[in-house]
Amino acid sequence: MRRLPWIFSMLVLTASAAPAASAEAVLRRVDAPPAPVYRFQRPPQLSMVAGSQVYVVDDRRVAEDEFRYGVFWYVYRARWWYRARHWNGPFTAIEPRDVPRAIITVPPGRWKHQPGVAPGLATRRVPPAWVAEKERRIHGER
């Protein structure tokens, strides 16, 4: 019976340490200009990119390239990427390598300001090497 509190405390410590380590691996500090701030009363208009699960914001109120993929909203503004869980933000700067491949491969005609020099976002159709590396990491391949 004396072991029960000790086992319980080890389980609590293990459970609390695991999310912190995984969150640290995903969130990297990026020194970027201030994130976009939107003050809209209703969500922006969206249209789906054919053959993908990416939605593009087609709204005149949004000057930047904004996408929705999964549970996140991504904004590309002046060579910087930002991500949020809600269309109104708050947005946090992220590294280009943390942008999903599905967004990187959005056709050129769907961008407002398609980047020409950002990694993986040039007009070429072949994904850059860092995308392949990211997918290998995700799937545990070497």
N, C-alpha and C. Protein backbone atom coordinates (compact mmCIF):
# COMPACT_ATOMS: atom_id res chain seq x y z
N MET A 1 0.82 -1.19 0.00
CA MET A 1 0.00 0.00 0.00
C MET A 1 0.86 1.25 0.00
N ARG A 2 2.06 1.17 0.58
CA ARG A 2 2.95 2.32 0.61
C ARG A 2 3.45 2.68 -0.78
N ARG A 3 3.49 1.72 -1.68
CA ARG A 3 3.99 1.96 -3.02
C ARG A 3 2.98 2.74 -3.88
N LEU A 4 1.72 2.67 -3.56
CA LEU A 4 0.69 3.31 -4.37
C LEU A 4 0.89 4.81 -4.52
N PRO A 5 1.15 5.59 -3.47
CA PRO A 5 1.41 7.03 -3.66
C PRO A 5 2.65 7.29 -4.51
N TRP A 6 3.67 6.48 -4.33
CA TRP A 6 4.90 6.66 -5.10
C TRP A 6 4.65 6.40 -6.59
N ILE A 7 3.93 5.33 -6.90
CA ILE A 7 3.60 5.02 -8.30
C ILE A 7 2.74 6.12 -8.89
N PHE A 8 1.78 6.59 -8.13
CA PHE A 8 0.91 7.67 -8.61
C PHE A 8 1.72 8.93 -8.91
N SER A 9 2.64 9.28 -8.03
CA SER A 9 3.45 10.48 -8.26
C SER A 9 4.34 10.32 -9.48
N MET A 10 4.89 9.14 -9.72
CA MET A 10 5.70 8.91 -10.92
C MET A 10 4.86 9.04 -12.19
N LEU A 11 3.64 8.53 -12.14
CA LEU A 11 2.75 8.66 -13.30
C LEU A 11 2.44 10.12 -13.59
N VAL A 12 2.19 10.90 -12.57
CA VAL A 12 1.90 12.32 -12.74
C VAL A 12 3.11 13.04 -13.33
N LEU A 13 4.29 12.76 -12.81
CA LEU A 13 5.51 13.39 -13.32
C LEU A 13 5.76 13.01 -14.77
N THR A 14 5.57 11.75 -15.11
CA THR A 14 5.77 11.29 -16.48
C THR A 14 4.76 11.94 -17.41
N ALA A 15 3.52 12.00 -17.02
CA ALA A 15 2.47 12.59 -17.86
C ALA A 15 2.69 14.08 -18.05
N SER A 16 3.15 14.77 -17.02
CA SER A 16 3.34 16.21 -17.16
C SER A 16 4.60 16.54 -17.95
N ALA A 17 5.60 15.68 -17.94
CA ALA A 17 6.85 15.94 -18.67
C ALA A 17 6.70 15.66 -20.15
N ALA A 18 5.91 14.68 -20.55
CA ALA A 18 5.79 14.30 -21.96
C ALA A 18 5.20 15.41 -22.82
N PRO A 19 4.08 16.06 -22.44
CA PRO A 19 3.57 17.13 -23.29
C PRO A 19 4.52 18.31 -23.40
N ALA A 20 5.25 18.62 -22.35
CA ALA A 20 6.18 19.75 -22.40
C ALA A 20 7.27 19.49 -23.41
N ALA A 21 7.78 18.28 -23.45
CA ALA A 21 8.85 17.96 -24.39
C ALA A 21 8.34 18.01 -25.83
N SER A 22 7.14 17.48 -26.09
CA SER A 22 6.63 17.49 -27.45
C SER A 22 6.25 18.90 -27.88
N ALA A 23 5.72 19.72 -26.98
CA ALA A 23 5.38 21.10 -27.33
C ALA A 23 6.63 21.90 -27.62
N GLU A 24 7.70 21.63 -26.87
CA GLU A 24 8.95 22.35 -27.09
C GLU A 24 9.52 22.03 -28.46
N ALA A 25 9.37 20.78 -28.90
CA ALA A 25 9.89 20.37 -30.20
C ALA A 25 9.13 21.05 -31.33
N VAL A 26 7.84 21.31 -31.13
CA VAL A 26 7.02 21.90 -32.18
C VAL A 26 7.16 23.42 -32.20
N LEU A 27 7.16 24.05 -31.05
CA LEU A 27 7.20 25.50 -30.98
C LEU A 27 8.64 26.00 -30.93
N ARG A 28 9.03 26.71 -31.95
CA ARG A 28 10.36 27.28 -31.99
C ARG A 28 10.22 28.79 -31.97
N ARG A 29 11.11 29.45 -31.30
CA ARG A 29 11.06 30.91 -31.26
C ARG A 29 11.54 31.45 -32.59
N VAL A 30 10.74 32.32 -33.17
CA VAL A 30 11.09 32.94 -34.45
C VAL A 30 11.04 34.45 -34.24
N ASP A 31 12.14 35.13 -34.57
CA ASP A 31 12.17 36.58 -34.47
C ASP A 31 11.62 37.16 -35.76
N ALA A 32 10.38 37.57 -35.72
CA ALA A 32 9.69 38.06 -36.91
C ALA A 32 8.99 39.37 -36.58
N PRO A 33 8.58 40.09 -37.63
CA PRO A 33 7.78 41.30 -37.40
C PRO A 33 6.48 40.94 -36.67
N PRO A 34 5.79 41.92 -36.12
CA PRO A 34 4.54 41.63 -35.41
C PRO A 34 3.56 40.84 -36.27
N ALA A 35 2.86 39.94 -35.63
CA ALA A 35 1.89 39.10 -36.32
C ALA A 35 0.69 39.92 -36.77
N PRO A 36 0.00 39.46 -37.82
CA PRO A 36 -1.19 40.17 -38.26
C PRO A 36 -2.28 40.14 -37.18
N VAL A 37 -3.05 41.21 -37.13
CA VAL A 37 -4.17 41.31 -36.20
C VAL A 37 -5.42 41.63 -37.01
N TYR A 38 -6.42 40.78 -36.89
CA TYR A 38 -7.68 40.99 -37.60
C TYR A 38 -8.77 41.31 -36.59
N ARG A 39 -9.62 42.23 -36.93
CA ARG A 39 -10.73 42.60 -36.06
C ARG A 39 -12.04 42.51 -36.84
N PHE A 40 -12.31 41.32 -37.36
CA PHE A 40 -13.51 41.09 -38.15
C PHE A 40 -14.64 40.59 -37.26
N GLN A 41 -15.85 40.90 -37.65
CA GLN A 41 -17.02 40.44 -36.90
C GLN A 41 -17.47 39.05 -37.34
N ARG A 42 -17.12 38.67 -38.58
CA ARG A 42 -17.50 37.35 -39.08
C ARG A 42 -16.31 36.71 -39.79
N PRO A 43 -16.30 35.39 -39.90
CA PRO A 43 -15.17 34.70 -40.53
C PRO A 43 -14.98 35.13 -41.98
N PRO A 44 -13.75 35.04 -42.48
CA PRO A 44 -13.50 35.38 -43.89
C PRO A 44 -14.07 34.32 -44.82
N GLN A 45 -14.27 34.72 -46.08
CA GLN A 45 -14.76 33.79 -47.09
C GLN A 45 -13.64 32.85 -47.49
N LEU A 46 -13.99 31.56 -47.65
CA LEU A 46 -13.01 30.54 -47.98
C LEU A 46 -13.39 29.84 -49.28
N SER A 47 -12.37 29.33 -49.98
CA SER A 47 -12.61 28.44 -51.10
C SER A 47 -11.58 27.33 -51.03
N MET A 48 -12.01 26.11 -51.35
CA MET A 48 -11.14 24.96 -51.23
C MET A 48 -10.26 24.83 -52.47
N VAL A 49 -9.00 24.47 -52.26
CA VAL A 49 -8.08 24.21 -53.35
C VAL A 49 -8.40 22.82 -53.88
N ALA A 50 -8.65 22.71 -55.17
CA ALA A 50 -9.03 21.43 -55.79
C ALA A 50 -7.97 20.37 -55.51
N GLY A 51 -8.43 19.19 -55.13
CA GLY A 51 -7.54 18.07 -54.89
C GLY A 51 -6.76 18.13 -53.59
N SER A 52 -7.14 18.99 -52.67
CA SER A 52 -6.43 19.08 -51.39
C SER A 52 -7.42 19.36 -50.27
N GLN A 53 -6.90 19.49 -49.07
CA GLN A 53 -7.72 19.83 -47.91
C GLN A 53 -7.38 21.22 -47.42
N VAL A 54 -6.85 22.05 -48.31
CA VAL A 54 -6.46 23.41 -47.99
C VAL A 54 -7.57 24.36 -48.43
N TYR A 55 -7.89 25.30 -47.57
CA TYR A 55 -8.82 26.37 -47.92
C TYR A 55 -8.03 27.66 -48.05
N VAL A 56 -8.34 28.43 -49.08
CA VAL A 56 -7.70 29.73 -49.30
C VAL A 56 -8.70 30.80 -48.90
N VAL A 57 -8.24 31.82 -48.19
CA VAL A 57 -9.11 32.93 -47.82
C VAL A 57 -9.27 33.83 -49.04
N ASP A 58 -10.49 33.93 -49.53
CA ASP A 58 -10.82 34.79 -50.67
C ASP A 58 -11.69 35.93 -50.15
N ASP A 59 -11.07 36.83 -49.44
CA ASP A 59 -11.81 37.91 -48.80
C ASP A 59 -11.03 39.20 -48.99
N ARG A 60 -11.69 40.25 -49.45
CA ARG A 60 -11.02 41.53 -49.68
C ARG A 60 -10.49 42.18 -48.40
N ARG A 61 -11.04 41.78 -47.27
CA ARG A 61 -10.59 42.35 -45.99
C ARG A 61 -9.21 41.85 -45.60
N VAL A 62 -8.76 40.76 -46.20
CA VAL A 62 -7.48 40.15 -45.85
C VAL A 62 -6.50 40.41 -46.99
N ALA A 63 -5.47 41.21 -46.71
CA ALA A 63 -4.50 41.57 -47.74
C ALA A 63 -3.41 40.51 -47.90
N GLU A 64 -3.17 39.71 -46.87
CA GLU A 64 -2.14 38.70 -46.92
C GLU A 64 -2.67 37.40 -47.50
N ASP A 65 -1.75 36.48 -47.78
CA ASP A 65 -2.13 35.13 -48.16
C ASP A 65 -2.48 34.38 -46.88
N GLU A 66 -3.71 33.93 -46.78
CA GLU A 66 -4.15 33.20 -45.59
C GLU A 66 -4.78 31.89 -46.03
N PHE A 67 -4.45 30.84 -45.29
CA PHE A 67 -4.93 29.50 -45.60
C PHE A 67 -5.45 28.84 -44.34
N ARG A 68 -6.36 27.89 -44.55
CA ARG A 68 -6.80 27.05 -43.44
C ARG A 68 -6.49 25.62 -43.82
N TYR A 69 -5.83 24.93 -42.91
CA TYR A 69 -5.49 23.53 -43.12
C TYR A 69 -5.61 22.82 -41.79
N GLY A 70 -6.48 21.84 -41.70
CA GLY A 70 -6.72 21.16 -40.42
C GLY A 70 -7.32 22.13 -39.43
N VAL A 71 -6.76 22.18 -38.23
CA VAL A 71 -7.29 23.07 -37.19
C VAL A 71 -6.58 24.41 -37.16
N PHE A 72 -5.60 24.61 -38.04
CA PHE A 72 -4.82 25.84 -38.00
C PHE A 72 -5.10 26.76 -39.18
N TRP A 73 -4.86 28.04 -38.94
CA TRP A 73 -4.91 29.09 -39.96
C TRP A 73 -3.48 29.57 -40.15
N TYR A 74 -3.04 29.68 -41.41
CA TYR A 74 -1.68 30.10 -41.73
C TYR A 74 -1.73 31.39 -42.54
N VAL A 75 -0.86 32.32 -42.21
CA VAL A 75 -0.76 33.59 -42.93
C VAL A 75 0.67 33.76 -43.42
N TYR A 76 0.80 34.13 -44.69
CA TYR A 76 2.10 34.47 -45.24
C TYR A 76 2.11 35.97 -45.48
N ARG A 77 3.06 36.66 -44.81
CA ARG A 77 3.12 38.11 -44.91
C ARG A 77 4.59 38.54 -44.97
N ALA A 78 4.96 39.15 -46.10
CA ALA A 78 6.29 39.73 -46.27
C ALA A 78 7.42 38.77 -45.86
N ARG A 79 7.42 37.59 -46.43
CA ARG A 79 8.44 36.57 -46.22
C ARG A 79 8.39 35.91 -44.85
N TRP A 80 7.32 36.09 -44.09
CA TRP A 80 7.18 35.47 -42.77
C TRP A 80 5.91 34.65 -42.72
N TRP A 81 5.94 33.55 -41.98
CA TRP A 81 4.77 32.70 -41.78
C TRP A 81 4.27 32.83 -40.35
N TYR A 82 2.94 32.81 -40.21
CA TYR A 82 2.28 32.90 -38.91
C TYR A 82 1.20 31.82 -38.84
N ARG A 83 0.89 31.37 -37.62
CA ARG A 83 -0.12 30.32 -37.45
C ARG A 83 -0.98 30.63 -36.23
N ALA A 84 -2.26 30.26 -36.35
CA ALA A 84 -3.21 30.46 -35.23
C ALA A 84 -4.25 29.36 -35.28
N ARG A 85 -4.95 29.17 -34.17
CA ARG A 85 -6.04 28.19 -34.12
C ARG A 85 -7.39 28.82 -34.49
N HIS A 86 -7.44 30.13 -34.57
CA HIS A 86 -8.69 30.82 -34.88
C HIS A 86 -8.42 31.83 -36.00
N TRP A 87 -9.40 32.08 -36.83
CA TRP A 87 -9.22 32.98 -37.97
C TRP A 87 -8.88 34.41 -37.55
N ASN A 88 -9.27 34.79 -36.35
CA ASN A 88 -8.96 36.12 -35.83
C ASN A 88 -7.66 36.15 -35.03
N GLY A 89 -6.97 35.02 -34.93
CA GLY A 89 -5.73 34.98 -34.19
C GLY A 89 -5.95 34.57 -32.75
N PRO A 90 -4.98 34.75 -31.91
CA PRO A 90 -3.72 35.44 -32.14
C PRO A 90 -2.76 34.56 -32.95
N PHE A 91 -2.05 35.20 -33.87
CA PHE A 91 -1.09 34.51 -34.73
C PHE A 91 0.29 34.54 -34.10
N THR A 92 1.02 33.45 -34.30
CA THR A 92 2.38 33.30 -33.81
C THR A 92 3.29 33.01 -34.99
N ALA A 93 4.45 33.63 -35.02
CA ALA A 93 5.41 33.39 -36.09
C ALA A 93 5.94 31.97 -36.02
N ILE A 94 6.06 31.33 -37.19
CA ILE A 94 6.61 29.98 -37.28
C ILE A 94 7.68 29.95 -38.36
N GLU A 95 8.48 28.92 -38.34
CA GLU A 95 9.51 28.75 -39.36
C GLU A 95 8.90 28.17 -40.63
N PRO A 96 9.46 28.47 -41.79
CA PRO A 96 8.92 27.93 -43.04
C PRO A 96 8.84 26.41 -43.04
N ARG A 97 9.76 25.75 -42.37
CA ARG A 97 9.73 24.28 -42.36
C ARG A 97 8.54 23.72 -41.58
N ASP A 98 7.87 24.56 -40.78
CA ASP A 98 6.69 24.12 -40.04
C ASP A 98 5.39 24.33 -40.81
N VAL A 99 5.48 24.85 -42.02
CA VAL A 99 4.30 25.04 -42.86
C VAL A 99 4.00 23.71 -43.55
N PRO A 100 2.76 23.22 -43.49
CA PRO A 100 2.44 21.94 -44.11
C PRO A 100 2.70 21.93 -45.62
N ARG A 101 3.09 20.79 -46.11
CA ARG A 101 3.37 20.62 -47.54
C ARG A 101 2.15 20.96 -48.39
N ALA A 102 0.97 20.64 -47.88
CA ALA A 102 -0.26 20.92 -48.63
C ALA A 102 -0.39 22.41 -48.95
N ILE A 103 0.07 23.27 -48.06
CA ILE A 103 0.01 24.71 -48.31
C ILE A 103 1.13 25.13 -49.26
N ILE A 104 2.31 24.56 -49.07
CA ILE A 104 3.45 24.90 -49.92
C ILE A 104 3.14 24.63 -51.39
N THR A 105 2.38 23.58 -51.64
CA THR A 105 2.10 23.18 -53.02
C THR A 105 0.80 23.75 -53.58
N VAL A 106 0.23 24.74 -52.91
CA VAL A 106 -0.96 25.42 -53.46
C VAL A 106 -0.57 26.04 -54.81
N PRO A 107 -1.38 25.85 -55.85
CA PRO A 107 -1.03 26.37 -57.17
C PRO A 107 -0.80 27.89 -57.17
N PRO A 108 0.10 28.36 -58.04
CA PRO A 108 0.45 29.79 -58.08
C PRO A 108 -0.75 30.73 -58.24
N GLY A 109 -1.76 30.35 -58.95
CA GLY A 109 -2.90 31.22 -59.18
C GLY A 109 -3.77 31.48 -57.96
N ARG A 110 -3.54 30.74 -56.88
CA ARG A 110 -4.35 30.89 -55.67
C ARG A 110 -3.72 31.81 -54.64
N TRP A 111 -2.53 32.33 -54.93
CA TRP A 111 -1.81 33.22 -54.01
C TRP A 111 -2.11 34.66 -54.36
N LYS A 112 -2.14 35.53 -53.36
CA LYS A 112 -2.23 36.97 -53.59
C LYS A 112 -0.85 37.55 -53.85
N HIS A 113 0.12 37.11 -53.07
CA HIS A 113 1.52 37.55 -53.18
C HIS A 113 2.40 36.32 -53.09
N GLN A 114 2.43 35.55 -54.14
CA GLN A 114 3.19 34.31 -54.06
C GLN A 114 4.66 34.61 -53.87
N PRO A 115 5.25 34.00 -52.85
CA PRO A 115 6.67 34.22 -52.62
C PRO A 115 7.50 33.57 -53.71
N GLY A 116 8.62 34.21 -54.05
CA GLY A 116 9.47 33.66 -55.08
C GLY A 116 10.75 33.08 -54.53
N VAL A 117 11.13 33.45 -53.32
CA VAL A 117 12.42 33.01 -52.79
C VAL A 117 12.29 32.23 -51.49
N ALA A 118 11.12 32.21 -50.89
CA ALA A 118 10.97 31.47 -49.63
C ALA A 118 11.13 29.98 -49.91
N PRO A 119 11.74 29.24 -49.00
CA PRO A 119 11.98 27.81 -49.22
C PRO A 119 10.70 27.06 -49.52
N GLY A 120 10.69 26.34 -50.63
CA GLY A 120 9.56 25.49 -50.97
C GLY A 120 8.40 26.21 -51.59
N LEU A 121 8.51 27.50 -51.80
CA LEU A 121 7.36 28.23 -52.31
C LEU A 121 7.61 28.85 -53.68
N ALA A 122 8.68 28.49 -54.30
CA ALA A 122 8.93 28.96 -55.65
C ALA A 122 7.92 28.31 -56.59
N THR A 123 7.86 28.75 -57.81
CA THR A 123 6.84 28.26 -58.74
C THR A 123 7.11 26.84 -59.22
N ARG A 124 8.24 26.27 -58.87
CA ARG A 124 8.51 24.90 -59.30
C ARG A 124 7.54 23.93 -58.64
N ARG A 125 7.30 22.82 -59.27
CA ARG A 125 6.35 21.84 -58.76
C ARG A 125 7.01 20.81 -57.83
N VAL A 126 8.33 20.64 -57.91
CA VAL A 126 9.02 19.67 -57.07
C VAL A 126 9.22 20.28 -55.70
N PRO A 127 8.79 19.57 -54.63
CA PRO A 127 8.99 20.12 -53.29
C PRO A 127 10.47 20.20 -52.95
N PRO A 128 10.86 21.16 -52.14
CA PRO A 128 12.27 21.30 -51.77
C PRO A 128 12.73 20.16 -50.86
N ALA A 129 14.03 20.04 -50.70
CA ALA A 129 14.61 18.95 -49.92
C ALA A 129 14.13 18.98 -48.47
N TRP A 130 13.92 20.16 -47.88
CA TRP A 130 13.52 20.21 -46.47
C TRP A 130 12.13 19.64 -46.26
N VAL A 131 11.27 19.64 -47.32
CA VAL A 131 9.94 19.04 -47.19
C VAL A 131 10.08 17.53 -47.09
N ALA A 132 10.92 16.95 -47.96
CA ALA A 132 11.15 15.51 -47.91
C ALA A 132 11.75 15.10 -46.57
N GLU A 133 12.67 15.92 -46.05
CA GLU A 133 13.29 15.63 -44.75
C GLU A 133 12.22 15.67 -43.65
N LYS A 134 11.34 16.65 -43.70
CA LYS A 134 10.28 16.78 -42.70
C LYS A 134 9.37 15.55 -42.73
N GLU A 135 9.02 15.09 -43.92
CA GLU A 135 8.15 13.92 -44.03
C GLU A 135 8.85 12.66 -43.52
N ARG A 136 10.14 12.53 -43.80
CA ARG A 136 10.88 11.37 -43.28
C ARG A 136 10.89 11.40 -41.75
N ARG A 137 11.07 12.58 -41.17
CA ARG A 137 11.07 12.72 -39.71
C ARG A 137 9.71 12.34 -39.13
N ILE A 138 8.65 12.80 -39.78
CA ILE A 138 7.31 12.53 -39.29
C ILE A 138 7.00 11.04 -39.32
N HIS A 139 7.40 10.37 -40.39
CA HIS A 139 7.07 8.97 -40.58
C HIS A 139 8.13 8.03 -40.02
N GLY A 140 9.19 8.59 -39.41
CA GLY A 140 10.19 7.78 -38.76
C GLY A 140 11.14 7.08 -39.71
N GLU A 141 11.22 7.53 -40.94
CA GLU A 141 12.11 6.91 -41.92
C GLU A 141 13.48 7.57 -41.84
N ARG A 142 14.47 6.90 -42.34
CA ARG A 142 15.83 7.45 -42.35
C ARG A 142 16.36 7.51 -43.74
